Amino acid sequence: MMGSHPRLEHRDDVAGAAARFLVPTGPAMPQRGVPSPANGLPARVRTERPAPWWLGTHGGAGESTLAGLVPSSGAAGHAWPLPRDVDDVQPVVLVARTSLRGLESARVAATQWAAGDVLGVELLGLVLMADAPGRLPRPLRDLAHHVAGGVPRVWSVPWVEAWRSGGDAAPHALTVLRRDLTTLLPGQEA
């Protein structure tokens, strides 16, 4: 299921770059034959309808930060938000830090989705939140590319020092993410 992902960052300096990232670069739906992970995230029926749900794959992933910065979205509380109505679908974006623990938990969540364990979820992609300033070490960068191959699309948010002290600075990557979500979720304001 997990493959390589050509890039983890958005570029706006080339015409049409944004549209390129809205086309799924990994699987767009669960896949036959993917085994369920033994340690997947729990699931909970939710009646709320934020768009999207941010699903932190581990504690400290950044789901609450994103929910506070992106209007109409919500933090899923580290549990897959299943719809109450069987005909309904919940849009979900996984969120993980770029640490080894964060990337491994994102891999497990992506595998859980790919195995078809979370019906009623439309996985839009994965947000990789920098776990520290600077460039990722090569082993983590390689793991991030591997995990990125298992989800429809990936956004990368750099380290934002202001968030450590409760600031609400919005890096350019967040502007790109909001724009992409507006395109992916017509009728929603991101």
N, C-alpha and C. Protein backbone atom coordinates (compact mmCIF):
# COMPACT_ATOMS: atom_id res chain seq x y z
N MET A 1 0.82 -1.19 0.00
CA MET A 1 0.00 0.00 0.00
C MET A 1 0.86 1.25 0.00
N MET A 2 1.88 1.31 0.81
CA MET A 2 2.68 2.51 0.93
C MET A 2 3.71 2.55 -0.19
N GLY A 3 3.77 3.66 -0.90
CA GLY A 3 4.74 3.82 -1.97
C GLY A 3 5.51 5.09 -1.76
N SER A 4 6.11 5.58 -2.82
CA SER A 4 6.83 6.83 -2.67
C SER A 4 5.96 7.97 -3.15
N HIS A 5 6.20 9.13 -2.64
CA HIS A 5 5.43 10.32 -2.97
C HIS A 5 6.40 11.29 -3.61
N PRO A 6 6.07 11.84 -4.77
CA PRO A 6 7.03 12.67 -5.50
C PRO A 6 7.50 13.90 -4.74
N ARG A 7 6.62 14.53 -3.98
CA ARG A 7 7.00 15.71 -3.22
C ARG A 7 6.07 15.88 -2.05
N LEU A 8 6.57 16.54 -1.03
CA LEU A 8 5.75 16.76 0.15
C LEU A 8 5.40 18.22 0.33
N GLU A 9 5.82 19.08 -0.55
CA GLU A 9 5.54 20.49 -0.38
C GLU A 9 4.77 21.04 -1.57
N HIS A 10 4.03 22.11 -1.33
CA HIS A 10 3.32 22.79 -2.40
C HIS A 10 4.23 23.85 -2.98
N ARG A 11 4.06 24.11 -4.26
CA ARG A 11 4.77 25.21 -4.91
C ARG A 11 3.73 26.03 -5.65
N ASP A 12 3.78 27.33 -5.43
CA ASP A 12 2.84 28.21 -6.11
C ASP A 12 3.52 28.99 -7.23
N ASP A 13 4.80 28.77 -7.49
CA ASP A 13 5.51 29.57 -8.48
C ASP A 13 5.33 29.05 -9.90
N VAL A 14 4.63 27.96 -10.08
CA VAL A 14 4.39 27.42 -11.42
C VAL A 14 2.88 27.44 -11.66
N ALA A 15 2.48 27.94 -12.81
CA ALA A 15 1.05 27.99 -13.13
C ALA A 15 0.45 26.59 -13.04
N GLY A 16 -0.66 26.51 -12.37
CA GLY A 16 -1.34 25.23 -12.25
C GLY A 16 -0.81 24.33 -11.15
N ALA A 17 0.15 24.79 -10.38
CA ALA A 17 0.73 23.93 -9.34
C ALA A 17 -0.32 23.51 -8.32
N ALA A 18 -1.20 24.42 -7.94
CA ALA A 18 -2.21 24.08 -6.94
C ALA A 18 -3.12 22.97 -7.44
N ALA A 19 -3.54 23.06 -8.68
CA ALA A 19 -4.43 22.04 -9.23
C ALA A 19 -3.74 20.68 -9.25
N ARG A 20 -2.43 20.65 -9.50
CA ARG A 20 -1.69 19.40 -9.53
C ARG A 20 -1.80 18.66 -8.20
N PHE A 21 -1.81 19.38 -7.09
CA PHE A 21 -1.85 18.73 -5.80
C PHE A 21 -3.25 18.30 -5.39
N LEU A 22 -4.25 18.76 -6.10
CA LEU A 22 -5.60 18.34 -5.78
C LEU A 22 -5.93 17.01 -6.43
N VAL A 23 -5.15 16.62 -7.41
CA VAL A 23 -5.30 15.30 -8.00
C VAL A 23 -4.64 14.31 -7.05
N PRO A 24 -5.34 13.26 -6.66
CA PRO A 24 -4.74 12.31 -5.73
C PRO A 24 -3.40 11.78 -6.24
N THR A 25 -2.41 11.74 -5.36
CA THR A 25 -1.09 11.21 -5.69
C THR A 25 -0.88 9.84 -5.08
N GLY A 26 -1.80 9.44 -4.24
CA GLY A 26 -1.80 8.11 -3.64
C GLY A 26 -3.17 7.52 -3.85
N PRO A 27 -3.50 6.44 -3.17
CA PRO A 27 -4.81 5.81 -3.36
C PRO A 27 -5.94 6.76 -2.96
N ALA A 28 -7.00 6.75 -3.74
CA ALA A 28 -8.15 7.62 -3.48
C ALA A 28 -9.24 6.90 -2.69
N MET A 29 -9.09 5.58 -2.52
CA MET A 29 -10.09 4.81 -1.77
C MET A 29 -9.41 3.59 -1.17
N PRO A 30 -10.06 2.98 -0.19
CA PRO A 30 -9.49 1.76 0.39
C PRO A 30 -9.20 0.72 -0.69
N GLN A 31 -8.27 -0.18 -0.39
CA GLN A 31 -7.80 -1.14 -1.38
C GLN A 31 -7.98 -2.58 -0.91
N ARG A 32 -8.34 -3.44 -1.81
CA ARG A 32 -8.50 -4.85 -1.47
C ARG A 32 -7.16 -5.45 -1.05
N GLY A 33 -7.23 -6.33 -0.09
CA GLY A 33 -6.05 -7.09 0.30
C GLY A 33 -5.14 -6.43 1.30
N VAL A 34 -5.44 -5.20 1.72
CA VAL A 34 -4.61 -4.55 2.73
C VAL A 34 -5.03 -5.07 4.09
N PRO A 35 -4.11 -5.66 4.85
CA PRO A 35 -4.49 -6.18 6.17
C PRO A 35 -4.69 -5.05 7.18
N SER A 36 -5.65 -5.26 8.06
CA SER A 36 -5.92 -4.27 9.12
C SER A 36 -4.77 -4.25 10.12
N PRO A 37 -4.35 -3.06 10.54
CA PRO A 37 -3.31 -3.01 11.56
C PRO A 37 -3.88 -3.40 12.92
N ALA A 38 -3.06 -3.99 13.75
CA ALA A 38 -3.52 -4.43 15.07
C ALA A 38 -3.72 -3.25 16.02
N ASN A 39 -3.05 -2.16 15.78
CA ASN A 39 -3.06 -1.04 16.73
C ASN A 39 -3.63 0.23 16.11
N GLY A 40 -4.72 0.11 15.36
CA GLY A 40 -5.32 1.27 14.71
C GLY A 40 -6.01 2.21 15.69
N LEU A 41 -6.37 3.37 15.18
CA LEU A 41 -7.08 4.37 15.98
C LEU A 41 -8.51 3.91 16.24
N PRO A 42 -9.09 4.33 17.36
CA PRO A 42 -10.50 4.01 17.61
C PRO A 42 -11.39 4.81 16.66
N ALA A 43 -12.65 4.43 16.59
CA ALA A 43 -13.64 5.14 15.78
C ALA A 43 -14.82 5.51 16.67
N ARG A 44 -15.45 6.64 16.36
CA ARG A 44 -16.56 7.14 17.17
C ARG A 44 -17.59 7.76 16.24
N VAL A 45 -18.86 7.42 16.41
CA VAL A 45 -19.93 8.04 15.62
C VAL A 45 -20.05 9.49 16.06
N ARG A 46 -20.07 10.39 15.07
CA ARG A 46 -20.16 11.83 15.36
C ARG A 46 -21.35 12.41 14.62
N THR A 47 -22.10 13.26 15.29
CA THR A 47 -23.23 13.93 14.65
C THR A 47 -22.82 15.30 14.11
N GLU A 48 -21.74 15.86 14.62
CA GLU A 48 -21.28 17.16 14.12
C GLU A 48 -20.82 17.01 12.68
N ARG A 49 -20.80 18.13 11.95
CA ARG A 49 -20.46 18.08 10.53
C ARG A 49 -19.39 19.11 10.15
N PRO A 50 -18.29 19.19 10.86
CA PRO A 50 -17.25 20.12 10.39
C PRO A 50 -16.67 19.61 9.07
N ALA A 51 -16.09 20.50 8.33
CA ALA A 51 -15.48 20.08 7.07
C ALA A 51 -14.15 20.82 6.92
N PRO A 52 -13.09 20.13 7.08
CA PRO A 52 -12.97 18.70 7.38
C PRO A 52 -12.79 18.46 8.87
N TRP A 53 -12.75 17.19 9.21
CA TRP A 53 -12.29 16.77 10.53
C TRP A 53 -10.77 16.64 10.43
N TRP A 54 -10.06 17.15 11.43
CA TRP A 54 -8.61 16.92 11.55
C TRP A 54 -8.45 15.74 12.49
N LEU A 55 -7.82 14.68 12.02
CA LEU A 55 -7.63 13.49 12.84
C LEU A 55 -6.16 13.36 13.19
N GLY A 56 -5.81 13.79 14.40
CA GLY A 56 -4.44 13.64 14.88
C GLY A 56 -4.16 12.16 15.11
N THR A 57 -3.12 11.66 14.50
CA THR A 57 -2.82 10.23 14.61
C THR A 57 -2.08 9.90 15.89
N HIS A 58 -1.74 10.93 16.66
CA HIS A 58 -1.06 10.76 17.95
C HIS A 58 -1.24 12.04 18.74
N GLY A 59 -1.01 11.98 20.03
CA GLY A 59 -1.10 13.18 20.86
C GLY A 59 -0.08 14.21 20.42
N GLY A 60 -0.48 15.48 20.39
CA GLY A 60 0.42 16.55 20.00
C GLY A 60 0.62 16.70 18.50
N ALA A 61 -0.22 16.05 17.72
CA ALA A 61 -0.06 16.09 16.26
C ALA A 61 -0.33 17.48 15.68
N GLY A 62 -1.27 18.21 16.27
CA GLY A 62 -1.62 19.53 15.77
C GLY A 62 -3.06 19.65 15.31
N GLU A 63 -3.90 18.65 15.60
CA GLU A 63 -5.29 18.71 15.14
C GLU A 63 -6.03 19.89 15.76
N SER A 64 -5.80 20.18 17.03
CA SER A 64 -6.48 21.31 17.68
C SER A 64 -5.98 22.64 17.11
N THR A 65 -4.70 22.73 16.82
CA THR A 65 -4.14 23.95 16.22
C THR A 65 -4.81 24.21 14.88
N LEU A 66 -4.89 23.18 14.03
CA LEU A 66 -5.52 23.36 12.72
C LEU A 66 -7.00 23.68 12.85
N ALA A 67 -7.69 23.04 13.78
CA ALA A 67 -9.11 23.32 13.98
C ALA A 67 -9.32 24.78 14.40
N GLY A 68 -8.38 25.34 15.15
CA GLY A 68 -8.48 26.72 15.57
C GLY A 68 -8.15 27.72 14.47
N LEU A 69 -7.39 27.28 13.48
CA LEU A 69 -6.94 28.18 12.42
C LEU A 69 -7.73 28.06 11.12
N VAL A 70 -8.49 26.99 10.96
CA VAL A 70 -9.24 26.77 9.72
C VAL A 70 -10.73 26.78 10.04
N PRO A 71 -11.45 27.83 9.62
CA PRO A 71 -12.89 27.91 9.90
C PRO A 71 -13.65 26.69 9.37
N SER A 72 -14.70 26.35 10.05
CA SER A 72 -15.60 25.25 9.68
C SER A 72 -15.00 23.87 9.85
N SER A 73 -13.80 23.77 10.42
CA SER A 73 -13.19 22.46 10.61
C SER A 73 -13.30 22.07 12.08
N GLY A 74 -12.95 20.83 12.39
CA GLY A 74 -13.04 20.37 13.78
C GLY A 74 -11.99 19.33 14.10
N ALA A 75 -11.60 19.28 15.36
CA ALA A 75 -10.65 18.28 15.85
C ALA A 75 -11.41 17.00 16.18
N ALA A 76 -10.94 15.88 15.68
CA ALA A 76 -11.64 14.61 15.85
C ALA A 76 -11.29 13.91 17.16
N GLY A 77 -10.34 14.43 17.92
CA GLY A 77 -10.01 13.83 19.21
C GLY A 77 -9.34 12.47 19.10
N HIS A 78 -8.50 12.29 18.09
CA HIS A 78 -7.71 11.06 17.91
C HIS A 78 -8.57 9.82 17.71
N ALA A 79 -9.77 10.01 17.12
CA ALA A 79 -10.65 8.88 16.81
C ALA A 79 -11.31 9.17 15.46
N TRP A 80 -11.39 8.15 14.62
CA TRP A 80 -12.05 8.31 13.32
C TRP A 80 -13.49 8.78 13.54
N PRO A 81 -13.91 9.88 12.91
CA PRO A 81 -15.29 10.37 13.06
C PRO A 81 -16.23 9.69 12.06
N LEU A 82 -16.95 8.72 12.52
CA LEU A 82 -17.87 8.00 11.65
C LEU A 82 -19.21 8.71 11.59
N PRO A 83 -19.86 8.72 10.43
CA PRO A 83 -21.17 9.37 10.33
C PRO A 83 -22.25 8.50 10.99
N ARG A 84 -23.26 9.16 11.48
CA ARG A 84 -24.40 8.44 12.08
C ARG A 84 -25.21 7.74 10.99
N ASP A 85 -25.44 8.44 9.89
CA ASP A 85 -26.23 7.90 8.78
C ASP A 85 -25.31 7.10 7.87
N VAL A 86 -25.69 5.90 7.55
CA VAL A 86 -24.87 5.00 6.74
C VAL A 86 -24.63 5.56 5.34
N ASP A 87 -25.48 6.45 4.86
CA ASP A 87 -25.32 7.04 3.53
C ASP A 87 -24.50 8.33 3.56
N ASP A 88 -24.08 8.74 4.72
CA ASP A 88 -23.33 9.99 4.87
C ASP A 88 -21.82 9.71 4.82
N VAL A 89 -21.04 10.76 4.62
CA VAL A 89 -19.58 10.63 4.57
C VAL A 89 -18.97 11.78 5.36
N GLN A 90 -17.96 11.47 6.14
CA GLN A 90 -17.23 12.49 6.91
C GLN A 90 -15.89 12.75 6.21
N PRO A 91 -15.62 14.01 5.80
CA PRO A 91 -14.32 14.32 5.22
C PRO A 91 -13.26 14.43 6.33
N VAL A 92 -12.15 13.74 6.15
CA VAL A 92 -11.12 13.66 7.19
C VAL A 92 -9.75 13.94 6.58
N VAL A 93 -8.94 14.69 7.33
CA VAL A 93 -7.54 14.89 7.00
C VAL A 93 -6.73 14.39 8.19
N LEU A 94 -5.83 13.44 7.95
CA LEU A 94 -4.94 12.97 9.00
C LEU A 94 -3.92 14.06 9.31
N VAL A 95 -3.48 14.11 10.56
CA VAL A 95 -2.48 15.08 10.98
C VAL A 95 -1.44 14.34 11.80
N ALA A 96 -0.17 14.56 11.48
CA ALA A 96 0.92 13.91 12.22
C ALA A 96 2.15 14.82 12.23
N ARG A 97 2.92 14.71 13.29
CA ARG A 97 4.22 15.38 13.35
C ARG A 97 5.22 14.57 12.53
N THR A 98 6.31 15.21 12.17
CA THR A 98 7.32 14.55 11.35
C THR A 98 8.36 13.80 12.17
N SER A 99 8.07 13.53 13.41
CA SER A 99 8.95 12.70 14.23
C SER A 99 8.75 11.24 13.85
N LEU A 100 9.62 10.36 14.29
CA LEU A 100 9.46 8.93 14.01
C LEU A 100 8.12 8.45 14.55
N ARG A 101 7.78 8.81 15.78
CA ARG A 101 6.51 8.40 16.38
C ARG A 101 5.32 8.91 15.55
N GLY A 102 5.39 10.16 15.14
CA GLY A 102 4.31 10.74 14.36
C GLY A 102 4.14 10.08 13.00
N LEU A 103 5.24 9.85 12.31
CA LEU A 103 5.16 9.23 10.99
C LEU A 103 4.70 7.78 11.07
N GLU A 104 5.14 7.06 12.09
CA GLU A 104 4.68 5.67 12.27
C GLU A 104 3.19 5.63 12.57
N SER A 105 2.70 6.56 13.38
CA SER A 105 1.27 6.58 13.69
C SER A 105 0.46 6.96 12.45
N ALA A 106 0.99 7.84 11.61
CA ALA A 106 0.32 8.19 10.35
C ALA A 106 0.28 6.98 9.43
N ARG A 107 1.35 6.20 9.41
CA ARG A 107 1.40 4.99 8.59
C ARG A 107 0.31 4.01 9.03
N VAL A 108 0.16 3.83 10.34
CA VAL A 108 -0.85 2.92 10.86
C VAL A 108 -2.26 3.42 10.49
N ALA A 109 -2.52 4.71 10.66
CA ALA A 109 -3.83 5.26 10.33
C ALA A 109 -4.12 5.13 8.83
N ALA A 110 -3.13 5.40 7.99
CA ALA A 110 -3.33 5.26 6.55
C ALA A 110 -3.61 3.80 6.18
N THR A 111 -2.94 2.89 6.84
CA THR A 111 -3.17 1.46 6.59
C THR A 111 -4.57 1.07 7.04
N GLN A 112 -5.00 1.59 8.18
CA GLN A 112 -6.35 1.31 8.69
C GLN A 112 -7.39 1.76 7.68
N TRP A 113 -7.21 2.96 7.13
CA TRP A 113 -8.13 3.47 6.11
C TRP A 113 -8.07 2.60 4.85
N ALA A 114 -6.85 2.30 4.39
CA ALA A 114 -6.69 1.53 3.16
C ALA A 114 -7.28 0.13 3.29
N ALA A 115 -7.29 -0.43 4.49
CA ALA A 115 -7.86 -1.76 4.72
C ALA A 115 -9.39 -1.74 4.71
N GLY A 116 -9.98 -0.53 4.70
CA GLY A 116 -11.44 -0.42 4.70
C GLY A 116 -12.04 -0.52 6.09
N ASP A 117 -11.25 -0.25 7.10
CA ASP A 117 -11.71 -0.36 8.49
C ASP A 117 -12.58 0.80 8.95
N VAL A 118 -12.61 1.89 8.19
CA VAL A 118 -13.34 3.09 8.62
C VAL A 118 -14.32 3.52 7.53
N LEU A 119 -15.43 2.82 7.45
CA LEU A 119 -16.44 3.12 6.45
C LEU A 119 -17.12 4.45 6.78
N GLY A 120 -17.48 5.18 5.76
CA GLY A 120 -18.14 6.47 5.95
C GLY A 120 -17.16 7.62 6.10
N VAL A 121 -15.89 7.37 5.77
CA VAL A 121 -14.86 8.40 5.86
C VAL A 121 -14.31 8.65 4.46
N GLU A 122 -14.24 9.91 4.08
CA GLU A 122 -13.54 10.29 2.86
C GLU A 122 -12.21 10.88 3.29
N LEU A 123 -11.14 10.13 3.09
CA LEU A 123 -9.82 10.62 3.47
C LEU A 123 -9.32 11.57 2.39
N LEU A 124 -9.16 12.84 2.77
CA LEU A 124 -8.70 13.85 1.83
C LEU A 124 -7.19 13.85 1.69
N GLY A 125 -6.50 13.50 2.79
CA GLY A 125 -5.05 13.48 2.75
C GLY A 125 -4.45 13.51 4.13
N LEU A 126 -3.21 13.94 4.18
CA LEU A 126 -2.40 13.96 5.39
C LEU A 126 -1.67 15.29 5.48
N VAL A 127 -1.73 15.91 6.67
CA VAL A 127 -0.92 17.10 6.93
C VAL A 127 0.25 16.65 7.80
N LEU A 128 1.46 16.90 7.29
CA LEU A 128 2.66 16.62 8.07
C LEU A 128 3.12 17.93 8.70
N MET A 129 3.03 17.98 10.02
CA MET A 129 3.41 19.17 10.79
C MET A 129 4.86 18.99 11.26
N ALA A 130 5.69 19.96 10.94
CA ALA A 130 7.10 19.87 11.35
C ALA A 130 7.19 19.71 12.86
N ASP A 131 8.05 18.80 13.30
CA ASP A 131 8.22 18.55 14.74
C ASP A 131 9.36 19.39 15.30
N ALA A 132 10.11 20.05 14.45
CA ALA A 132 11.23 20.90 14.87
C ALA A 132 11.59 21.81 13.70
N PRO A 133 12.30 22.90 13.99
CA PRO A 133 12.73 23.75 12.88
C PRO A 133 13.80 23.04 12.05
N GLY A 134 13.91 23.43 10.80
CA GLY A 134 14.97 22.89 9.95
C GLY A 134 14.52 21.70 9.12
N ARG A 135 15.47 21.19 8.39
CA ARG A 135 15.24 20.08 7.45
C ARG A 135 15.16 18.76 8.20
N LEU A 136 14.30 17.87 7.71
CA LEU A 136 14.18 16.54 8.31
C LEU A 136 15.44 15.73 8.03
N PRO A 137 15.89 14.94 8.99
CA PRO A 137 16.99 14.02 8.71
C PRO A 137 16.55 13.01 7.64
N ARG A 138 17.49 12.53 6.86
CA ARG A 138 17.17 11.64 5.73
C ARG A 138 16.29 10.45 6.11
N PRO A 139 16.54 9.72 7.21
CA PRO A 139 15.67 8.58 7.51
C PRO A 139 14.20 9.00 7.73
N LEU A 140 13.98 10.15 8.36
CA LEU A 140 12.60 10.63 8.56
C LEU A 140 12.01 11.12 7.25
N ARG A 141 12.82 11.75 6.43
CA ARG A 141 12.35 12.21 5.12
C ARG A 141 11.94 11.01 4.27
N ASP A 142 12.74 9.94 4.30
CA ASP A 142 12.40 8.73 3.55
C ASP A 142 11.11 8.11 4.06
N LEU A 143 10.95 8.06 5.39
CA LEU A 143 9.72 7.50 5.96
C LEU A 143 8.52 8.37 5.60
N ALA A 144 8.68 9.69 5.62
CA ALA A 144 7.59 10.59 5.23
C ALA A 144 7.16 10.34 3.79
N HIS A 145 8.11 10.14 2.89
CA HIS A 145 7.77 9.82 1.49
C HIS A 145 7.03 8.49 1.40
N HIS A 146 7.46 7.53 2.17
CA HIS A 146 6.81 6.21 2.19
C HIS A 146 5.36 6.34 2.65
N VAL A 147 5.14 7.03 3.75
CA VAL A 147 3.79 7.21 4.30
C VAL A 147 2.93 8.01 3.33
N ALA A 148 3.50 9.03 2.71
CA ALA A 148 2.76 9.87 1.77
C ALA A 148 2.21 9.08 0.60
N GLY A 149 2.86 8.00 0.23
CA GLY A 149 2.37 7.18 -0.86
C GLY A 149 1.11 6.41 -0.54
N GLY A 150 0.71 6.41 0.73
CA GLY A 150 -0.47 5.66 1.14
C GLY A 150 -1.71 6.48 1.36
N VAL A 151 -1.66 7.78 1.05
CA VAL A 151 -2.81 8.66 1.24
C VAL A 151 -3.05 9.45 -0.05
N PRO A 152 -4.27 9.97 -0.24
CA PRO A 152 -4.56 10.67 -1.50
C PRO A 152 -3.67 11.87 -1.80
N ARG A 153 -3.35 12.67 -0.80
CA ARG A 153 -2.50 13.84 -1.01
C ARG A 153 -1.87 14.24 0.32
N VAL A 154 -0.83 15.05 0.25
CA VAL A 154 -0.08 15.45 1.45
C VAL A 154 0.19 16.94 1.42
N TRP A 155 0.04 17.57 2.58
CA TRP A 155 0.44 18.95 2.77
C TRP A 155 1.51 18.96 3.85
N SER A 156 2.47 19.85 3.71
CA SER A 156 3.54 19.96 4.68
C SER A 156 3.48 21.35 5.31
N VAL A 157 3.41 21.39 6.64
CA VAL A 157 3.38 22.67 7.36
C VAL A 157 4.69 22.80 8.12
N PRO A 158 5.44 23.88 7.90
CA PRO A 158 6.73 24.05 8.55
C PRO A 158 6.59 24.34 10.05
N TRP A 159 7.70 24.30 10.74
CA TRP A 159 7.74 24.66 12.15
C TRP A 159 7.32 26.12 12.29
N VAL A 160 6.41 26.39 13.23
CA VAL A 160 5.97 27.76 13.50
C VAL A 160 6.24 28.03 14.97
N GLU A 161 7.28 28.76 15.23
CA GLU A 161 7.71 29.02 16.61
C GLU A 161 6.61 29.70 17.42
N ALA A 162 5.84 30.59 16.79
CA ALA A 162 4.78 31.32 17.49
C ALA A 162 3.71 30.39 18.07
N TRP A 163 3.51 29.21 17.48
CA TRP A 163 2.49 28.29 17.98
C TRP A 163 2.85 27.72 19.34
N ARG A 164 4.13 27.70 19.68
CA ARG A 164 4.56 27.17 20.98
C ARG A 164 4.02 28.02 22.13
N SER A 165 3.85 29.32 21.87
CA SER A 165 3.38 30.22 22.93
C SER A 165 1.94 30.67 22.69
N GLY A 166 1.20 29.93 21.89
CA GLY A 166 -0.22 30.24 21.70
C GLY A 166 -0.52 31.22 20.61
N GLY A 167 0.46 31.61 19.82
CA GLY A 167 0.21 32.53 18.72
C GLY A 167 -0.57 31.87 17.61
N ASP A 168 -1.15 32.70 16.74
CA ASP A 168 -1.95 32.15 15.65
C ASP A 168 -1.38 32.53 14.28
N ALA A 169 -0.06 32.64 14.20
CA ALA A 169 0.58 32.94 12.92
C ALA A 169 0.19 31.88 11.90
N ALA A 170 0.01 32.30 10.67
CA ALA A 170 -0.38 31.38 9.61
C ALA A 170 0.69 31.37 8.52
N PRO A 171 1.49 30.32 8.44
CA PRO A 171 2.49 30.25 7.38
C PRO A 171 1.83 30.09 6.02
N HIS A 172 2.59 30.36 4.97
CA HIS A 172 2.07 30.24 3.61
C HIS A 172 1.49 28.85 3.35
N ALA A 173 2.09 27.82 3.91
CA ALA A 173 1.60 26.45 3.71
C ALA A 173 0.16 26.31 4.20
N LEU A 174 -0.21 27.05 5.23
CA LEU A 174 -1.59 26.99 5.74
C LEU A 174 -2.54 27.68 4.76
N THR A 175 -2.10 28.74 4.12
CA THR A 175 -2.91 29.40 3.10
C THR A 175 -3.17 28.44 1.94
N VAL A 176 -2.14 27.72 1.53
CA VAL A 176 -2.28 26.74 0.45
C VAL A 176 -3.24 25.64 0.88
N LEU A 177 -3.11 25.16 2.09
CA LEU A 177 -3.99 24.10 2.60
C LEU A 177 -5.44 24.57 2.61
N ARG A 178 -5.68 25.78 3.10
CA ARG A 178 -7.05 26.32 3.11
C ARG A 178 -7.63 26.40 1.70
N ARG A 179 -6.83 26.90 0.78
CA ARG A 179 -7.29 27.02 -0.61
C ARG A 179 -7.62 25.65 -1.19
N ASP A 180 -6.76 24.68 -0.95
CA ASP A 180 -7.00 23.33 -1.46
C ASP A 180 -8.28 22.74 -0.87
N LEU A 181 -8.49 22.94 0.43
CA LEU A 181 -9.70 22.42 1.07
C LEU A 181 -10.95 23.07 0.51
N THR A 182 -10.87 24.35 0.20
CA THR A 182 -12.01 25.05 -0.40
C THR A 182 -12.36 24.41 -1.75
N THR A 183 -11.35 23.99 -2.49
CA THR A 183 -11.57 23.33 -3.77
C THR A 183 -12.09 21.92 -3.57
N LEU A 184 -11.53 21.19 -2.60
CA LEU A 184 -11.94 19.79 -2.36
C LEU A 184 -13.31 19.68 -1.73
N LEU A 185 -13.71 20.71 -0.97
CA LEU A 185 -14.98 20.69 -0.25
C LEU A 185 -15.85 21.85 -0.72
N PRO A 186 -16.41 21.77 -1.91
CA PRO A 186 -17.22 22.89 -2.43
C PRO A 186 -18.32 23.27 -1.45
N GLY A 187 -18.54 24.55 -1.33
CA GLY A 187 -19.58 25.04 -0.42
C GLY A 187 -19.08 25.25 1.00
N GLN A 188 -17.85 24.86 1.28
CA GLN A 188 -17.27 25.06 2.60
C GLN A 188 -16.27 26.19 2.54
N GLU A 189 -16.18 26.97 3.59
CA GLU A 189 -15.19 28.02 3.67
C GLU A 189 -14.07 27.56 4.57
N ALA A 190 -12.88 27.45 4.01
CA ALA A 190 -11.73 26.98 4.80
C ALA A 190 -10.82 28.13 5.15
